[in-house]
Protein backbone atom coordinates (compact mmCIF):
# COMPACT_ATOMS: atom_id res chain seq x y z
CA MET A 1 -148.98 7.47 -106.87
CA ILE A 2 -149.43 4.27 -105.02
CA VAL A 3 -151.30 4.36 -101.75
CA GLY A 4 -150.93 1.39 -99.15
CA LEU A 5 -153.70 0.33 -97.16
CA THR A 6 -153.33 -1.76 -94.12
CA GLY A 7 -154.92 -2.49 -90.67
CA GLY A 8 -154.80 -5.54 -88.32
CA ILE A 9 -157.12 -8.49 -88.76
CA GLY A 10 -160.65 -7.62 -88.33
CA SER A 11 -160.12 -3.68 -88.68
CA GLY A 12 -162.21 -3.19 -91.63
CA LYS A 13 -160.00 -3.10 -94.79
CA SER A 14 -162.54 -4.93 -96.86
CA ALA A 15 -165.16 -2.41 -96.07
CA VAL A 16 -162.59 0.69 -97.13
CA ASN A 17 -161.81 -1.28 -100.15
CA GLY A 18 -165.43 -1.43 -101.36
CA TYR A 19 -165.68 2.44 -100.84
CA LEU A 20 -162.57 2.79 -102.93
CA LYS A 21 -164.17 0.73 -105.50
CA GLN A 22 -167.39 2.74 -105.84
CA LEU A 23 -165.11 5.90 -106.03
CA GLY A 24 -163.35 4.18 -109.06
CA VAL A 25 -159.96 3.64 -107.62
CA THR A 26 -157.81 0.89 -108.89
CA LEU A 27 -157.22 -1.57 -106.14
CA VAL A 28 -154.59 -4.47 -105.68
CA ASP A 29 -155.31 -6.82 -102.90
CA ALA A 30 -152.20 -8.62 -101.59
CA ASP A 31 -154.10 -11.31 -100.19
CA LYS A 32 -155.84 -11.97 -103.47
CA VAL A 33 -152.49 -12.13 -105.15
CA ALA A 34 -151.31 -14.41 -102.61
CA ARG A 35 -154.16 -16.87 -103.42
CA GLU A 36 -153.48 -16.68 -107.20
CA VAL A 37 -149.83 -17.72 -106.65
CA VAL A 38 -150.98 -21.10 -104.77
CA VAL A 39 -153.73 -22.15 -107.01
CA ALA A 40 -154.27 -25.89 -107.25
CA GLY A 41 -151.78 -27.38 -109.78
CA SER A 42 -149.31 -24.40 -109.61
CA PRO A 43 -145.67 -25.21 -109.23
CA THR A 44 -145.76 -23.10 -106.11
CA LEU A 45 -148.26 -25.33 -104.41
CA THR A 46 -146.41 -28.71 -105.45
CA THR A 47 -143.42 -27.19 -103.75
CA ILE A 48 -145.33 -26.24 -100.54
CA ALA A 49 -146.95 -29.71 -100.45
CA ALA A 50 -143.51 -31.38 -100.70
CA HIS A 51 -142.44 -29.27 -97.94
CA PHE A 52 -145.14 -29.46 -95.52
CA GLY A 53 -147.06 -32.40 -96.50
CA GLN A 54 -150.08 -33.82 -98.20
CA GLN A 55 -151.95 -32.51 -94.98
CA VAL A 56 -152.11 -29.07 -96.39
CA LEU A 57 -153.87 -30.03 -99.40
CA LEU A 58 -157.71 -30.62 -99.79
CA PRO A 59 -159.16 -33.33 -101.41
CA ASP A 60 -159.73 -31.39 -104.81
CA GLY A 61 -155.96 -30.38 -104.38
CA SER A 62 -156.40 -26.82 -103.53
CA LEU A 63 -154.58 -25.35 -100.25
CA ASP A 64 -156.13 -26.00 -97.10
CA ARG A 65 -155.23 -22.81 -95.44
CA ALA A 66 -156.50 -23.59 -92.10
CA ALA A 67 -153.75 -26.61 -92.17
CA LEU A 68 -151.09 -24.59 -93.45
CA ARG A 69 -151.57 -21.70 -90.88
CA GLN A 70 -151.46 -24.23 -88.16
CA SER A 71 -148.08 -25.55 -89.47
CA ILE A 72 -146.40 -21.88 -89.57
CA PHE A 73 -147.72 -19.90 -86.61
CA SER A 74 -146.43 -22.07 -84.33
CA ASN A 75 -142.83 -22.52 -86.02
CA LYS A 76 -141.02 -19.48 -86.94
CA ALA A 77 -138.59 -21.44 -89.07
CA GLN A 78 -141.73 -22.85 -91.31
CA LYS A 79 -143.18 -19.59 -91.72
CA ASP A 80 -139.63 -17.89 -92.89
CA TRP A 81 -139.47 -20.43 -95.48
CA LEU A 82 -142.89 -20.17 -96.74
CA GLU A 83 -142.40 -16.28 -96.48
CA ALA A 84 -139.20 -16.58 -98.82
CA LEU A 85 -140.82 -18.45 -101.35
CA LEU A 86 -144.06 -16.74 -101.51
CA HIS A 87 -142.83 -13.08 -101.29
CA PRO A 88 -140.85 -12.53 -104.28
CA LEU A 89 -143.59 -14.24 -106.28
CA ILE A 90 -146.20 -11.74 -104.63
CA GLY A 91 -144.20 -9.01 -105.19
CA ALA A 92 -143.68 -9.40 -108.98
CA SER A 93 -147.54 -9.81 -109.47
CA ILE A 94 -148.70 -7.06 -107.44
CA ASP A 95 -145.93 -4.82 -109.16
CA THR A 96 -147.40 -5.90 -112.75
CA GLN A 97 -150.55 -4.94 -111.55
CA LEU A 98 -149.93 -1.57 -110.28
CA ALA A 99 -147.98 -0.62 -113.39
CA ALA A 100 -151.09 -1.27 -115.26
CA ALA A 101 -153.25 0.83 -112.98
CA CYS A 102 -155.01 4.09 -114.22
CA GLY A 103 -156.28 7.16 -112.28
CA PRO A 104 -154.63 9.62 -109.79
CA TYR A 105 -153.64 6.80 -107.69
CA ALA A 106 -153.78 3.21 -106.88
CA VAL A 107 -154.44 1.51 -103.89
CA LEU A 108 -152.33 -1.73 -102.40
CA GLU A 109 -154.26 -3.55 -99.86
CA SER A 110 -152.12 -5.64 -97.80
CA PRO A 111 -152.70 -6.96 -93.96
CA LEU A 112 -148.61 -7.00 -93.88
CA LEU A 113 -147.92 -3.88 -95.89
CA LEU A 114 -145.72 -2.83 -93.08
CA GLU A 115 -144.00 -6.27 -91.72
CA THR A 116 -142.79 -7.21 -95.27
CA GLU A 117 -140.89 -5.32 -98.13
CA GLN A 118 -144.03 -4.47 -99.66
CA HIS A 119 -144.34 -0.82 -98.14
CA THR A 120 -141.30 0.03 -100.27
CA LYS A 121 -143.98 -0.14 -103.29
CA VAL A 122 -145.80 2.62 -101.83
CA ASP A 123 -145.89 6.37 -101.37
CA PHE A 124 -148.57 7.02 -98.87
CA ILE A 125 -149.64 4.71 -96.17
CA VAL A 126 -153.25 4.86 -94.67
CA VAL A 127 -154.23 2.59 -91.56
CA VAL A 128 -157.61 1.33 -90.79
CA ASP A 129 -157.58 1.47 -86.96
CA VAL A 130 -159.79 -0.29 -84.55
CA SER A 131 -159.30 -1.28 -80.93
CA GLU A 132 -157.63 -4.69 -80.10
CA ALA A 133 -160.92 -5.95 -78.44
CA GLN A 134 -163.00 -4.95 -81.59
CA GLN A 135 -160.61 -6.86 -83.81
CA LEU A 136 -160.94 -9.80 -81.94
CA GLN A 137 -164.75 -9.51 -81.74
CA ARG A 138 -164.92 -8.59 -85.66
CA ALA A 139 -162.56 -11.25 -86.77
CA SER A 140 -164.14 -14.26 -84.46
CA LEU A 141 -167.63 -13.21 -86.12
CA ARG A 142 -166.30 -13.11 -89.79
CA ASP A 143 -163.90 -15.92 -90.02
CA ASN A 144 -165.30 -18.56 -87.66
CA ASN A 145 -161.76 -18.93 -85.82
CA SER A 146 -161.05 -19.36 -82.19
CA ALA A 147 -159.84 -16.34 -80.26
CA GLN A 148 -156.88 -18.06 -79.62
CA GLN A 149 -156.10 -18.38 -83.39
CA ILE A 150 -157.06 -14.74 -83.96
CA SER A 151 -154.99 -13.62 -80.96
CA ALA A 152 -152.07 -15.70 -82.70
CA ILE A 153 -152.74 -13.76 -86.32
CA MET A 154 -152.91 -10.43 -84.14
CA ALA A 155 -149.51 -11.25 -82.31
CA SER A 156 -147.89 -12.07 -85.67
CA GLN A 157 -149.05 -9.03 -87.27
CA MET A 158 -147.14 -5.32 -85.97
CA GLU A 159 -148.29 -3.86 -82.83
CA ARG A 160 -151.19 -1.25 -83.13
CA GLN A 161 -149.36 1.79 -82.07
CA LYS A 162 -146.18 1.16 -84.34
CA ARG A 163 -148.71 0.71 -87.29
CA LEU A 164 -150.17 4.07 -86.21
CA ASP A 165 -146.87 5.89 -86.10
CA ARG A 166 -146.11 4.49 -89.49
CA ALA A 167 -149.31 5.92 -91.16
CA HIS A 168 -149.64 9.19 -93.24
CA TRP A 169 -153.20 9.00 -92.65
CA VAL A 170 -155.63 6.75 -90.22
CA LEU A 171 -159.25 5.79 -90.86
CA ASP A 172 -160.70 5.33 -87.51
CA ASN A 173 -163.36 2.35 -87.84
CA GLN A 174 -164.45 2.35 -83.97
CA GLN A 175 -167.99 3.64 -85.17
CA ASP A 176 -170.58 2.78 -87.81
CA LEU A 177 -169.90 2.24 -91.58
CA ASN A 178 -171.43 5.59 -92.49
CA HIS A 179 -168.76 7.05 -90.19
CA LEU A 180 -166.12 5.07 -92.28
CA GLN A 181 -167.39 6.00 -95.68
CA GLN A 182 -167.33 9.82 -94.85
CA GLN A 183 -163.64 9.24 -93.85
CA VAL A 184 -162.91 7.40 -97.10
CA ALA A 185 -164.43 10.09 -99.21
CA GLN A 186 -162.22 12.68 -97.05
CA LEU A 187 -159.08 10.72 -98.03
CA HIS A 188 -159.96 10.33 -101.64
CA GLN A 189 -160.18 14.06 -101.88
CA HIS A 190 -156.77 14.56 -100.39
CA LEU A 191 -155.16 12.13 -102.15
CA CYS A 192 -156.54 13.50 -105.45
CA GLN A 193 -155.36 16.90 -104.47
CA LEU A 194 -152.17 15.65 -103.48
CA THR A 195 -151.37 14.07 -107.38
CA GLU A 196 -152.77 17.06 -108.66
CA THR A 197 -150.26 19.44 -106.91
CA SER A 198 -147.38 16.89 -107.65
CA THR A 199 -147.79 17.16 -111.35
């Protein structure tokens, strides 16, 4: 079984990931895969630089994510072009990694699980949820981005209620990490039981 893990920026997906790893669950991180397909010197990064210009590259030849983010968040056509290039490459790499996973279930963690075709790869959707005010506060502290940049990222993601409506299971991360860890343990037990009954 493939479980999709998602949530808005600053919701606590990384903390959930850490707890699942401690439980021995195989995790595929869509953001990590996305970084791997645009490593310095890759054909994909060369194509991106040719399209957006050298300003999206750092002096060492790697991708300047902040510059690229700035180019696409204010321009839907540019964002669509970038997604058309990257999504098939990211999807193929995710498929390969999920196929190699072992254990009762594997997790695909993606902030854009429901906004992209990635949701078609999963059997069960888990949403990590916090209030929008907490998202803004946590992401500001973690990413050193302005409130305006974080609000733009939040606006590009699915609305909180729509995300919750799509969930099979919600992890409420509005309290402390102990509370979150307990919920992850309950989720893990539930998923293991689900896979046992389906075999």
